[in-house]
Amino acid sequence: MTEVSDKQFEKEVWKGSVITSPIPPTLVSCGTVDAPNVLTVAWTGILCTRPPIVYISVRPERYSYDLIKQTGEFVINLPTERLVRAVDMCGVKSGRNCDKFALTGLTPQPSSQVSAPLVAECPVNIECRVRDTVQLGSHDMFIADVTAVNAAKELIDEKGRLALERAGLIAYAHGQYFALGKVLGSFGWSVKKKLRRNRK
């Protein structure tokens, strides 16, 4: 029998809104290495595994929107706890008025497959090429193929697995940034059979 909490919550009903959390606050880089820009995007995620497809949702009035429309390329960079101030700044400042790479001390670095730069200080960079744009309302969704993933060598364990738990990634929930907490389980652990010790 599956164990569940015995607490039931008394609820209020509100009008529809976007309240799913926590979510990953990512740094999305666009433009070119010679003319780079970076913005904070939390509306992002996975759409498909095979082929690997992701999305970001961006307001059309954002400076980065036109850069992504023009090139059809961007990079999703996963920031760490040490970069949280830069993450916030890239979300409130506009590339129209300043060089956000220079402002935050981040470094644009050439990508392997796309013209958009990656952020050198992020341990994982996901290179993306837009396959479709969906107009939704306040935001347009860029649906993109993942053309390459760049992973820090120090995060690759002795078995060749990407150990993201070592990266110190962050989360965003209801207007605040959080460090990730303790491990509660791993995929499939709820249905794994208990190992029986061999008795001699």
N, C-alpha and C. Protein backbone atom coordinates (compact mmCIF):
# COMPACT_ATOMS: atom_id res chain seq x y z
N MET A 1 0.84 -1.19 0.00
CA MET A 1 0.00 0.00 0.00
C MET A 1 0.88 1.25 0.00
N THR A 2 0.54 2.22 -0.83
CA THR A 2 1.32 3.45 -0.92
C THR A 2 1.06 4.32 0.30
N GLU A 3 2.16 4.82 0.88
CA GLU A 3 2.02 5.70 2.04
C GLU A 3 1.72 7.11 1.57
N VAL A 4 0.70 7.74 2.16
CA VAL A 4 0.36 9.12 1.85
C VAL A 4 0.20 9.89 3.14
N SER A 5 0.28 11.21 3.02
CA SER A 5 0.07 12.05 4.19
C SER A 5 -1.39 11.96 4.62
N ASP A 6 -1.62 11.96 5.94
CA ASP A 6 -3.00 11.91 6.42
C ASP A 6 -3.61 13.30 6.52
N LYS A 7 -2.83 14.34 6.13
CA LYS A 7 -3.34 15.70 6.20
C LYS A 7 -4.10 16.05 4.93
N GLN A 8 -5.30 16.56 5.09
CA GLN A 8 -6.07 17.06 3.97
C GLN A 8 -6.24 18.57 4.14
N PHE A 9 -6.14 19.30 3.03
CA PHE A 9 -6.12 20.75 3.09
C PHE A 9 -7.49 21.34 2.77
N GLU A 10 -7.89 22.31 3.54
CA GLU A 10 -9.09 23.08 3.21
C GLU A 10 -8.68 24.14 2.21
N LYS A 11 -9.40 24.28 1.11
CA LYS A 11 -8.96 25.11 -0.01
C LYS A 11 -9.87 26.31 -0.26
N GLU A 12 -9.27 27.35 -0.87
CA GLU A 12 -10.01 28.45 -1.48
C GLU A 12 -9.88 28.30 -2.98
N VAL A 13 -10.91 28.69 -3.73
CA VAL A 13 -10.87 28.60 -5.18
C VAL A 13 -10.60 29.99 -5.75
N TRP A 14 -9.50 30.11 -6.51
CA TRP A 14 -9.14 31.37 -7.16
C TRP A 14 -9.36 31.24 -8.66
N LYS A 15 -9.30 32.37 -9.35
CA LYS A 15 -9.37 32.32 -10.82
C LYS A 15 -8.10 31.69 -11.36
N GLY A 16 -8.14 31.22 -12.60
CA GLY A 16 -6.99 30.55 -13.18
C GLY A 16 -5.76 31.43 -13.23
N SER A 17 -4.63 30.88 -12.85
CA SER A 17 -3.37 31.62 -12.88
C SER A 17 -2.21 30.63 -12.99
N VAL A 18 -1.01 31.15 -13.26
CA VAL A 18 0.17 30.27 -13.36
C VAL A 18 0.89 30.26 -12.02
N ILE A 19 0.74 29.18 -11.30
CA ILE A 19 1.30 29.11 -9.96
C ILE A 19 2.14 27.86 -9.76
N THR A 20 2.39 27.11 -10.84
CA THR A 20 3.21 25.92 -10.73
C THR A 20 4.61 26.28 -10.23
N SER A 21 5.07 25.61 -9.20
CA SER A 21 6.40 25.89 -8.66
C SER A 21 6.84 24.71 -7.79
N PRO A 22 8.13 24.56 -7.54
CA PRO A 22 9.21 25.42 -8.05
C PRO A 22 9.51 25.14 -9.51
N ILE A 23 10.21 26.10 -10.13
CA ILE A 23 10.59 25.99 -11.52
C ILE A 23 12.05 26.40 -11.66
N PRO A 24 12.71 26.05 -12.76
CA PRO A 24 14.13 26.39 -12.89
C PRO A 24 14.33 27.79 -13.46
N PRO A 25 14.98 28.69 -12.73
CA PRO A 25 15.32 29.99 -13.33
C PRO A 25 16.58 29.81 -14.17
N THR A 26 16.45 29.91 -15.49
CA THR A 26 17.58 29.66 -16.38
C THR A 26 18.09 30.98 -16.97
N LEU A 27 19.32 30.97 -17.39
CA LEU A 27 19.87 32.08 -18.16
C LEU A 27 19.84 31.67 -19.63
N VAL A 28 19.10 32.42 -20.43
CA VAL A 28 19.00 32.11 -21.86
C VAL A 28 19.86 33.12 -22.61
N SER A 29 20.86 32.62 -23.30
CA SER A 29 21.74 33.49 -24.07
C SER A 29 21.33 33.45 -25.54
N CYS A 30 21.50 34.61 -26.20
CA CYS A 30 21.07 34.72 -27.60
C CYS A 30 21.95 35.76 -28.28
N GLY A 31 21.65 36.06 -29.55
CA GLY A 31 22.50 36.94 -30.31
C GLY A 31 23.70 36.17 -30.83
N THR A 32 24.88 36.79 -30.80
CA THR A 32 26.11 36.16 -31.26
C THR A 32 27.21 36.39 -30.22
N VAL A 33 28.34 35.72 -30.39
CA VAL A 33 29.46 35.91 -29.46
C VAL A 33 29.94 37.36 -29.51
N ASP A 34 29.90 37.97 -30.70
CA ASP A 34 30.34 39.36 -30.84
C ASP A 34 29.31 40.36 -30.32
N ALA A 35 28.04 39.99 -30.38
CA ALA A 35 26.96 40.87 -29.88
C ALA A 35 26.00 40.01 -29.05
N PRO A 36 26.44 39.61 -27.85
CA PRO A 36 25.64 38.68 -27.05
C PRO A 36 24.62 39.36 -26.17
N ASN A 37 23.60 38.62 -25.81
CA ASN A 37 22.64 39.07 -24.80
C ASN A 37 22.23 37.87 -23.96
N VAL A 38 21.76 38.14 -22.77
CA VAL A 38 21.32 37.07 -21.88
C VAL A 38 20.13 37.57 -21.08
N LEU A 39 19.14 36.72 -20.90
CA LEU A 39 17.97 37.07 -20.11
C LEU A 39 17.60 35.88 -19.22
N THR A 40 16.90 36.19 -18.14
CA THR A 40 16.43 35.15 -17.24
C THR A 40 15.08 34.64 -17.71
N VAL A 41 14.96 33.33 -17.83
CA VAL A 41 13.70 32.70 -18.24
C VAL A 41 13.38 31.56 -17.28
N ALA A 42 12.22 31.67 -16.64
CA ALA A 42 11.76 30.58 -15.77
C ALA A 42 10.69 29.75 -16.47
N TRP A 43 10.05 30.33 -17.48
CA TRP A 43 9.03 29.57 -18.22
C TRP A 43 9.74 28.73 -19.28
N THR A 44 10.26 27.59 -18.86
CA THR A 44 11.01 26.71 -19.74
C THR A 44 10.85 25.27 -19.29
N GLY A 45 11.10 24.33 -20.18
CA GLY A 45 10.97 22.94 -19.80
C GLY A 45 11.13 22.00 -20.97
N ILE A 46 10.89 20.72 -20.71
CA ILE A 46 11.04 19.65 -21.69
C ILE A 46 9.69 19.36 -22.34
N LEU A 47 9.70 19.20 -23.64
CA LEU A 47 8.48 18.83 -24.37
C LEU A 47 8.54 17.40 -24.89
N CYS A 48 9.73 16.93 -25.22
CA CYS A 48 9.87 15.60 -25.81
C CYS A 48 11.28 15.08 -25.56
N THR A 49 11.38 13.74 -25.43
CA THR A 49 12.68 13.12 -25.20
C THR A 49 13.35 12.71 -26.51
N ARG A 50 12.60 12.06 -27.39
CA ARG A 50 13.12 11.61 -28.67
C ARG A 50 12.21 12.09 -29.79
N PRO A 51 12.62 13.08 -30.56
CA PRO A 51 13.86 13.83 -30.45
C PRO A 51 13.82 14.78 -29.25
N PRO A 52 14.98 15.21 -28.76
CA PRO A 52 14.98 16.12 -27.62
C PRO A 52 14.47 17.51 -28.01
N ILE A 53 13.35 17.89 -27.42
CA ILE A 53 12.72 19.18 -27.73
C ILE A 53 12.40 19.90 -26.42
N VAL A 54 12.74 21.18 -26.38
CA VAL A 54 12.48 22.01 -25.20
C VAL A 54 11.71 23.26 -25.64
N TYR A 55 11.37 24.08 -24.67
CA TYR A 55 10.70 25.34 -25.01
C TYR A 55 11.15 26.43 -24.05
N ILE A 56 11.02 27.68 -24.49
CA ILE A 56 11.07 28.83 -23.61
C ILE A 56 9.91 29.74 -24.01
N SER A 57 9.34 30.43 -23.04
CA SER A 57 8.29 31.40 -23.33
C SER A 57 8.82 32.80 -23.02
N VAL A 58 8.71 33.70 -24.00
CA VAL A 58 9.29 35.05 -23.88
C VAL A 58 8.25 36.08 -24.30
N ARG A 59 8.20 37.17 -23.55
CA ARG A 59 7.29 38.27 -23.94
C ARG A 59 7.83 38.93 -25.23
N PRO A 60 6.96 39.20 -26.20
CA PRO A 60 7.41 39.81 -27.46
C PRO A 60 8.09 41.16 -27.29
N GLU A 61 7.78 41.89 -26.21
CA GLU A 61 8.40 43.20 -26.01
C GLU A 61 9.81 43.12 -25.45
N ARG A 62 10.24 41.91 -25.05
CA ARG A 62 11.60 41.76 -24.53
C ARG A 62 12.62 41.95 -25.66
N TYR A 63 13.74 42.55 -25.33
CA TYR A 63 14.81 42.79 -26.31
C TYR A 63 15.29 41.48 -26.93
N SER A 64 15.37 40.43 -26.13
CA SER A 64 15.86 39.14 -26.60
C SER A 64 14.92 38.47 -27.59
N TYR A 65 13.65 38.82 -27.53
CA TYR A 65 12.65 38.18 -28.40
C TYR A 65 13.04 38.32 -29.87
N ASP A 66 13.35 39.55 -30.29
CA ASP A 66 13.69 39.78 -31.69
C ASP A 66 15.02 39.11 -32.06
N LEU A 67 15.97 39.06 -31.12
CA LEU A 67 17.24 38.39 -31.39
C LEU A 67 17.01 36.91 -31.68
N ILE A 68 16.15 36.29 -30.89
CA ILE A 68 15.86 34.87 -31.10
C ILE A 68 15.07 34.66 -32.39
N LYS A 69 14.14 35.56 -32.69
CA LYS A 69 13.37 35.46 -33.94
C LYS A 69 14.29 35.58 -35.15
N GLN A 70 15.27 36.49 -35.07
CA GLN A 70 16.16 36.72 -36.20
C GLN A 70 17.11 35.55 -36.46
N THR A 71 17.68 35.01 -35.40
CA THR A 71 18.68 33.94 -35.57
C THR A 71 18.07 32.55 -35.52
N GLY A 72 16.95 32.40 -34.82
CA GLY A 72 16.33 31.08 -34.65
C GLY A 72 17.12 30.18 -33.72
N GLU A 73 17.97 30.79 -32.88
CA GLU A 73 18.83 29.99 -32.00
C GLU A 73 18.96 30.64 -30.63
N PHE A 74 19.18 29.82 -29.61
CA PHE A 74 19.44 30.30 -28.26
C PHE A 74 20.07 29.17 -27.46
N VAL A 75 20.57 29.50 -26.27
CA VAL A 75 21.16 28.51 -25.38
C VAL A 75 20.51 28.64 -24.01
N ILE A 76 20.03 27.52 -23.46
CA ILE A 76 19.52 27.49 -22.09
C ILE A 76 20.68 27.11 -21.18
N ASN A 77 21.05 28.00 -20.28
CA ASN A 77 22.17 27.79 -19.37
C ASN A 77 21.63 27.57 -17.96
N LEU A 78 22.10 26.52 -17.29
CA LEU A 78 21.63 26.20 -15.94
C LEU A 78 22.55 26.85 -14.91
N PRO A 79 22.06 27.86 -14.18
CA PRO A 79 22.91 28.58 -13.23
C PRO A 79 22.97 27.89 -11.86
N THR A 80 24.00 28.26 -11.12
CA THR A 80 24.22 27.70 -9.78
C THR A 80 23.90 28.75 -8.71
N GLU A 81 23.99 28.32 -7.46
CA GLU A 81 23.75 29.22 -6.33
C GLU A 81 24.64 30.46 -6.40
N ARG A 82 25.88 30.29 -6.82
CA ARG A 82 26.83 31.41 -6.87
C ARG A 82 26.42 32.46 -7.90
N LEU A 83 25.54 32.09 -8.83
CA LEU A 83 25.14 33.00 -9.90
C LEU A 83 23.77 33.63 -9.67
N VAL A 84 23.19 33.42 -8.49
CA VAL A 84 21.79 33.83 -8.29
C VAL A 84 21.61 35.34 -8.43
N ARG A 85 22.60 36.14 -8.02
CA ARG A 85 22.48 37.59 -8.18
C ARG A 85 22.47 37.97 -9.66
N ALA A 86 23.32 37.32 -10.44
CA ALA A 86 23.36 37.56 -11.88
C ALA A 86 22.04 37.14 -12.53
N VAL A 87 21.49 36.02 -12.05
CA VAL A 87 20.21 35.54 -12.58
C VAL A 87 19.13 36.59 -12.37
N ASP A 88 19.07 37.15 -11.17
CA ASP A 88 18.06 38.17 -10.89
C ASP A 88 18.29 39.42 -11.73
N MET A 89 19.53 39.84 -11.84
CA MET A 89 19.83 41.06 -12.60
C MET A 89 19.49 40.90 -14.07
N CYS A 90 19.75 39.73 -14.62
CA CYS A 90 19.43 39.50 -16.03
C CYS A 90 17.93 39.42 -16.28
N GLY A 91 17.16 39.31 -15.21
CA GLY A 91 15.71 39.29 -15.33
C GLY A 91 15.08 40.67 -15.22
N VAL A 92 15.79 41.61 -14.60
CA VAL A 92 15.21 42.95 -14.39
C VAL A 92 15.86 44.02 -15.26
N LYS A 93 17.03 43.75 -15.82
CA LYS A 93 17.70 44.69 -16.71
C LYS A 93 17.41 44.32 -18.16
N SER A 94 17.47 45.30 -19.05
CA SER A 94 17.23 45.06 -20.48
C SER A 94 18.50 45.21 -21.28
N GLY A 95 18.68 44.31 -22.23
CA GLY A 95 19.82 44.39 -23.13
C GLY A 95 19.77 45.59 -24.06
N ARG A 96 18.62 46.27 -24.13
CA ARG A 96 18.52 47.49 -24.92
C ARG A 96 19.38 48.60 -24.31
N ASN A 97 19.51 48.55 -22.98
CA ASN A 97 20.13 49.65 -22.26
C ASN A 97 21.52 49.34 -21.72
N CYS A 98 21.91 48.09 -21.71
CA CYS A 98 23.20 47.74 -21.12
C CYS A 98 23.69 46.40 -21.66
N ASP A 99 24.98 46.17 -21.47
CA ASP A 99 25.60 44.88 -21.78
C ASP A 99 25.49 44.04 -20.52
N LYS A 100 24.56 43.10 -20.49
CA LYS A 100 24.33 42.34 -19.26
C LYS A 100 25.47 41.37 -18.96
N PHE A 101 26.20 40.93 -19.96
CA PHE A 101 27.38 40.10 -19.70
C PHE A 101 28.42 40.92 -18.93
N ALA A 102 28.68 42.15 -19.39
CA ALA A 102 29.65 43.00 -18.71
C ALA A 102 29.14 43.40 -17.33
N LEU A 103 27.87 43.68 -17.22
CA LEU A 103 27.28 44.12 -15.95
C LEU A 103 27.38 43.06 -14.87
N THR A 104 27.19 41.80 -15.24
CA THR A 104 27.16 40.72 -14.26
C THR A 104 28.50 39.99 -14.12
N GLY A 105 29.41 40.23 -15.05
CA GLY A 105 30.68 39.51 -15.03
C GLY A 105 30.61 38.13 -15.66
N LEU A 106 29.51 37.83 -16.31
CA LEU A 106 29.39 36.55 -17.02
C LEU A 106 30.20 36.59 -18.31
N THR A 107 30.54 35.41 -18.80
CA THR A 107 31.40 35.32 -19.98
C THR A 107 30.69 34.63 -21.13
N PRO A 108 30.52 35.32 -22.29
CA PRO A 108 29.96 34.64 -23.45
C PRO A 108 31.04 33.78 -24.11
N GLN A 109 30.67 32.56 -24.45
CA GLN A 109 31.62 31.60 -25.01
C GLN A 109 30.99 30.97 -26.25
N PRO A 110 31.77 30.71 -27.29
CA PRO A 110 31.19 30.10 -28.49
C PRO A 110 30.53 28.75 -28.19
N SER A 111 29.39 28.52 -28.81
CA SER A 111 28.72 27.23 -28.72
C SER A 111 29.27 26.30 -29.78
N SER A 112 28.91 25.02 -29.70
CA SER A 112 29.43 24.06 -30.67
C SER A 112 28.57 23.95 -31.92
N GLN A 113 27.24 24.23 -31.80
CA GLN A 113 26.33 23.99 -32.90
C GLN A 113 25.51 25.20 -33.32
N VAL A 114 25.40 26.21 -32.46
CA VAL A 114 24.55 27.36 -32.77
C VAL A 114 25.36 28.65 -32.68
N SER A 115 24.83 29.72 -33.27
CA SER A 115 25.52 31.01 -33.27
C SER A 115 25.42 31.73 -31.94
N ALA A 116 24.37 31.43 -31.16
CA ALA A 116 24.22 32.05 -29.86
C ALA A 116 25.33 31.58 -28.92
N PRO A 117 25.85 32.47 -28.07
CA PRO A 117 26.90 32.06 -27.15
C PRO A 117 26.33 31.28 -25.97
N LEU A 118 27.18 30.54 -25.30
CA LEU A 118 26.78 29.94 -24.03
C LEU A 118 27.40 30.74 -22.90
N VAL A 119 26.90 30.55 -21.69
CA VAL A 119 27.44 31.24 -20.51
C VAL A 119 28.48 30.33 -19.88
N ALA A 120 29.74 30.78 -19.90
CA ALA A 120 30.85 29.93 -19.48
C ALA A 120 30.76 29.52 -18.01
N GLU A 121 30.16 30.37 -17.17
CA GLU A 121 30.11 30.09 -15.74
C GLU A 121 29.01 29.10 -15.35
N CYS A 122 28.14 28.74 -16.27
CA CYS A 122 27.08 27.75 -16.00
C CYS A 122 27.61 26.35 -16.30
N PRO A 123 27.39 25.38 -15.43
CA PRO A 123 27.95 24.04 -15.62
C PRO A 123 27.29 23.22 -16.73
N VAL A 124 26.09 23.62 -17.12
CA VAL A 124 25.38 22.92 -18.20
C VAL A 124 24.78 23.95 -19.14
N ASN A 125 25.00 23.74 -20.44
CA ASN A 125 24.48 24.63 -21.47
C ASN A 125 23.78 23.79 -22.52
N ILE A 126 22.55 24.16 -22.84
CA ILE A 126 21.72 23.39 -23.78
C ILE A 126 21.53 24.22 -25.04
N GLU A 127 22.19 23.82 -26.12
CA GLU A 127 22.12 24.56 -27.38
C GLU A 127 20.83 24.21 -28.12
N CYS A 128 20.13 25.24 -28.58
CA CYS A 128 18.79 25.05 -29.13
C CYS A 128 18.61 25.76 -30.47
N ARG A 129 17.84 25.11 -31.34
CA ARG A 129 17.47 25.71 -32.63
C ARG A 129 15.94 25.69 -32.74
N VAL A 130 15.36 26.85 -32.95
CA VAL A 130 13.90 26.99 -32.97
C VAL A 130 13.29 26.20 -34.13
N ARG A 131 12.26 25.41 -33.82
CA ARG A 131 11.53 24.69 -34.87
C ARG A 131 10.14 25.28 -35.09
N ASP A 132 9.62 25.99 -34.07
CA ASP A 132 8.28 26.56 -34.20
C ASP A 132 8.09 27.65 -33.14
N THR A 133 7.24 28.60 -33.45
CA THR A 133 6.89 29.66 -32.49
C THR A 133 5.38 29.68 -32.34
N VAL A 134 4.91 29.63 -31.12
CA VAL A 134 3.47 29.61 -30.85
C VAL A 134 3.09 30.87 -30.10
N GLN A 135 2.17 31.64 -30.68
CA GLN A 135 1.69 32.86 -30.02
C GLN A 135 0.60 32.46 -29.01
N LEU A 136 0.80 32.85 -27.76
CA LEU A 136 -0.10 32.40 -26.70
C LEU A 136 -0.88 33.53 -26.03
N GLY A 137 -0.31 34.72 -25.98
CA GLY A 137 -0.94 35.83 -25.25
C GLY A 137 0.14 36.75 -24.75
N SER A 138 0.36 36.78 -23.45
CA SER A 138 1.43 37.63 -22.91
C SER A 138 2.80 37.16 -23.37
N HIS A 139 2.95 35.85 -23.64
CA HIS A 139 4.21 35.27 -24.06
C HIS A 139 4.04 34.49 -25.38
N ASP A 140 5.12 34.42 -26.13
CA ASP A 140 5.21 33.50 -27.26
C ASP A 140 6.12 32.35 -26.84
N MET A 141 5.79 31.17 -27.28
CA MET A 141 6.60 30.00 -26.93
C MET A 141 7.48 29.62 -28.11
N PHE A 142 8.79 29.59 -27.86
CA PHE A 142 9.75 29.10 -28.84
C PHE A 142 9.97 27.61 -28.57
N ILE A 143 9.54 26.78 -29.49
CA ILE A 143 9.76 25.34 -29.40
C ILE A 143 11.04 25.03 -30.16
N ALA A 144 11.97 24.33 -29.51
CA ALA A 144 13.29 24.19 -30.11
C ALA A 144 13.85 22.78 -29.99
N ASP A 145 14.61 22.39 -31.02
CA ASP A 145 15.36 21.14 -30.98
C ASP A 145 16.65 21.37 -30.21
N VAL A 146 17.02 20.41 -29.38
CA VAL A 146 18.30 20.47 -28.68
C VAL A 146 19.37 19.93 -29.61
N THR A 147 20.31 20.79 -29.99
CA THR A 147 21.35 20.39 -30.94
C THR A 147 22.61 19.87 -30.23
N ALA A 148 22.81 20.29 -28.97
CA ALA A 148 23.98 19.83 -28.21
C ALA A 148 23.80 20.20 -26.75
N VAL A 149 24.45 19.44 -25.89
CA VAL A 149 24.50 19.74 -24.46
C VAL A 149 25.97 19.80 -24.05
N ASN A 150 26.33 20.88 -23.37
CA ASN A 150 27.69 21.04 -22.85
C ASN A 150 27.64 20.82 -21.35
N ALA A 151 28.43 19.88 -20.84
CA ALA A 151 28.40 19.54 -19.42
C ALA A 151 29.80 19.66 -18.83
N ALA A 152 29.89 20.29 -17.66
CA ALA A 152 31.17 20.44 -16.97
C ALA A 152 31.76 19.08 -16.64
N LYS A 153 33.03 18.89 -16.93
CA LYS A 153 33.68 17.60 -16.72
C LYS A 153 33.64 17.17 -15.26
N GLU A 154 33.71 18.15 -14.35
CA GLU A 154 33.72 17.79 -12.93
C GLU A 154 32.38 17.26 -12.43
N LEU A 155 31.34 17.39 -13.25
CA LEU A 155 30.03 16.85 -12.88
C LEU A 155 29.78 15.45 -13.46
N ILE A 156 30.74 14.93 -14.20
CA ILE A 156 30.60 13.60 -14.78
C ILE A 156 31.29 12.60 -13.87
N ASP A 157 30.52 11.66 -13.33
CA ASP A 157 31.07 10.73 -12.35
C ASP A 157 31.86 9.61 -13.03
N GLU A 158 32.38 8.68 -12.21
CA GLU A 158 33.24 7.61 -12.72
C GLU A 158 32.51 6.65 -13.67
N LYS A 159 31.17 6.67 -13.65
CA LYS A 159 30.39 5.82 -14.55
C LYS A 159 29.95 6.56 -15.82
N GLY A 160 30.37 7.82 -15.94
CA GLY A 160 29.99 8.61 -17.10
C GLY A 160 28.64 9.28 -16.97
N ARG A 161 28.06 9.24 -15.76
CA ARG A 161 26.75 9.85 -15.51
C ARG A 161 26.91 11.32 -15.17
N LEU A 162 26.00 12.16 -15.67
CA LEU A 162 26.01 13.57 -15.30
C LEU A 162 25.41 13.72 -13.90
N ALA A 163 26.24 14.05 -12.94
CA ALA A 163 25.82 14.14 -11.53
C ALA A 163 25.38 15.57 -11.23
N LEU A 164 24.19 15.92 -11.69
CA LEU A 164 23.69 17.29 -11.51
C LEU A 164 23.50 17.67 -10.04
N GLU A 165 23.36 16.66 -9.19
CA GLU A 165 23.19 16.96 -7.77
C GLU A 165 24.43 17.64 -7.18
N ARG A 166 25.54 17.56 -7.87
CA ARG A 166 26.77 18.21 -7.40
C ARG A 166 26.87 19.67 -7.84
N ALA A 167 25.99 20.09 -8.73
CA ALA A 167 26.15 21.40 -9.38
C ALA A 167 25.73 22.58 -8.52
N GLY A 168 24.85 22.36 -7.55
CA GLY A 168 24.35 23.48 -6.76
C GLY A 168 23.37 24.34 -7.53
N LEU A 169 22.47 23.68 -8.28
CA LEU A 169 21.48 24.40 -9.07
C LEU A 169 20.45 25.07 -8.15
N ILE A 170 19.67 25.99 -8.72
CA ILE A 170 18.71 26.76 -7.94
C ILE A 170 17.29 26.55 -8.46
N ALA A 171 16.32 26.98 -7.66
CA ALA A 171 14.91 26.90 -8.03
C ALA A 171 14.26 28.25 -7.77
N TYR A 172 13.14 28.47 -8.42
CA TYR A 172 12.38 29.73 -8.28
C TYR A 172 10.95 29.37 -7.91
N ALA A 173 10.45 29.96 -6.83
CA ALA A 173 9.08 29.65 -6.40
C ALA A 173 8.41 30.91 -5.87
N HIS A 174 7.38 31.33 -6.56
CA HIS A 174 6.52 32.42 -6.10
C HIS A 174 7.32 33.68 -5.75
N GLY A 175 8.22 34.07 -6.67
CA GLY A 175 8.95 35.32 -6.50
C GLY A 175 10.24 35.23 -5.71
N GLN A 176 10.66 34.03 -5.32
CA GLN A 176 11.88 33.89 -4.54
C GLN A 176 12.77 32.79 -5.11
N TYR A 177 14.08 32.94 -4.90
CA TYR A 177 15.06 31.96 -5.35
C TYR A 177 15.43 31.05 -4.18
N PHE A 178 15.62 29.76 -4.47
CA PHE A 178 15.93 28.79 -3.43
C PHE A 178 17.07 27.88 -3.87
N ALA A 179 17.87 27.46 -2.90
CA ALA A 179 18.81 26.37 -3.14
C ALA A 179 18.02 25.07 -3.07
N LEU A 180 18.48 24.06 -3.78
CA LEU A 180 17.80 22.78 -3.72
C LEU A 180 18.05 22.12 -2.37
N GLY A 181 17.06 21.41 -1.86
CA GLY A 181 17.15 20.81 -0.53
C GLY A 181 17.63 19.38 -0.54
N LYS A 182 17.28 18.66 0.51
CA LYS A 182 17.76 17.29 0.69
C LYS A 182 17.09 16.35 -0.31
N VAL A 183 17.77 15.26 -0.59
CA VAL A 183 17.24 14.23 -1.49
C VAL A 183 16.14 13.46 -0.77
N LEU A 184 14.98 13.33 -1.42
CA LEU A 184 13.85 12.60 -0.82
C LEU A 184 13.67 11.21 -1.40
N GLY A 185 14.26 10.98 -2.55
CA GLY A 185 14.13 9.68 -3.21
C GLY A 185 14.73 9.79 -4.59
N SER A 186 14.69 8.72 -5.36
CA SER A 186 15.16 8.74 -6.73
C SER A 186 14.10 8.08 -7.61
N PHE A 187 14.19 8.33 -8.91
CA PHE A 187 13.16 7.84 -9.82
C PHE A 187 12.97 6.33 -9.68
N GLY A 188 11.72 5.91 -9.41
CA GLY A 188 11.38 4.50 -9.33
C GLY A 188 11.58 3.86 -7.97
N TRP A 189 12.08 4.63 -6.99
CA TRP A 189 12.38 4.02 -5.69
C TRP A 189 11.12 3.56 -4.96
N SER A 190 9.98 4.17 -5.27
CA SER A 190 8.74 3.81 -4.56
C SER A 190 8.23 2.41 -4.93
N VAL A 191 8.68 1.88 -6.06
CA VAL A 191 8.20 0.56 -6.48
C VAL A 191 9.30 -0.50 -6.49
N LYS A 192 10.51 -0.11 -6.12
CA LYS A 192 11.60 -1.09 -6.09
C LYS A 192 11.39 -2.08 -4.96
N LYS A 193 11.71 -3.34 -5.24
CA LYS A 193 11.62 -4.36 -4.21
C LYS A 193 12.80 -4.24 -3.26
N LYS A 194 12.54 -4.48 -2.01
CA LYS A 194 13.61 -4.42 -1.02
C LYS A 194 14.59 -5.57 -1.28
N LEU A 195 15.86 -5.22 -1.22
CA LEU A 195 16.88 -6.24 -1.43
C LEU A 195 16.94 -7.20 -0.25
N ARG A 196 16.94 -8.48 -0.55
CA ARG A 196 17.02 -9.48 0.51
C ARG A 196 18.48 -9.88 0.73
N ARG A 197 18.88 -9.88 1.95
CA ARG A 197 20.25 -10.27 2.27
C ARG A 197 20.37 -11.79 2.16
N ASN A 198 21.47 -12.20 1.55
CA ASN A 198 21.70 -13.65 1.42
C ASN A 198 22.04 -14.23 2.80
N ARG A 199 21.30 -15.20 3.19
CA ARG A 199 21.56 -15.86 4.47
C ARG A 199 22.41 -17.11 4.26
N LYS A 200 23.45 -17.22 5.03
CA LYS A 200 24.32 -18.40 4.93
C LYS A 200 23.85 -19.48 5.86
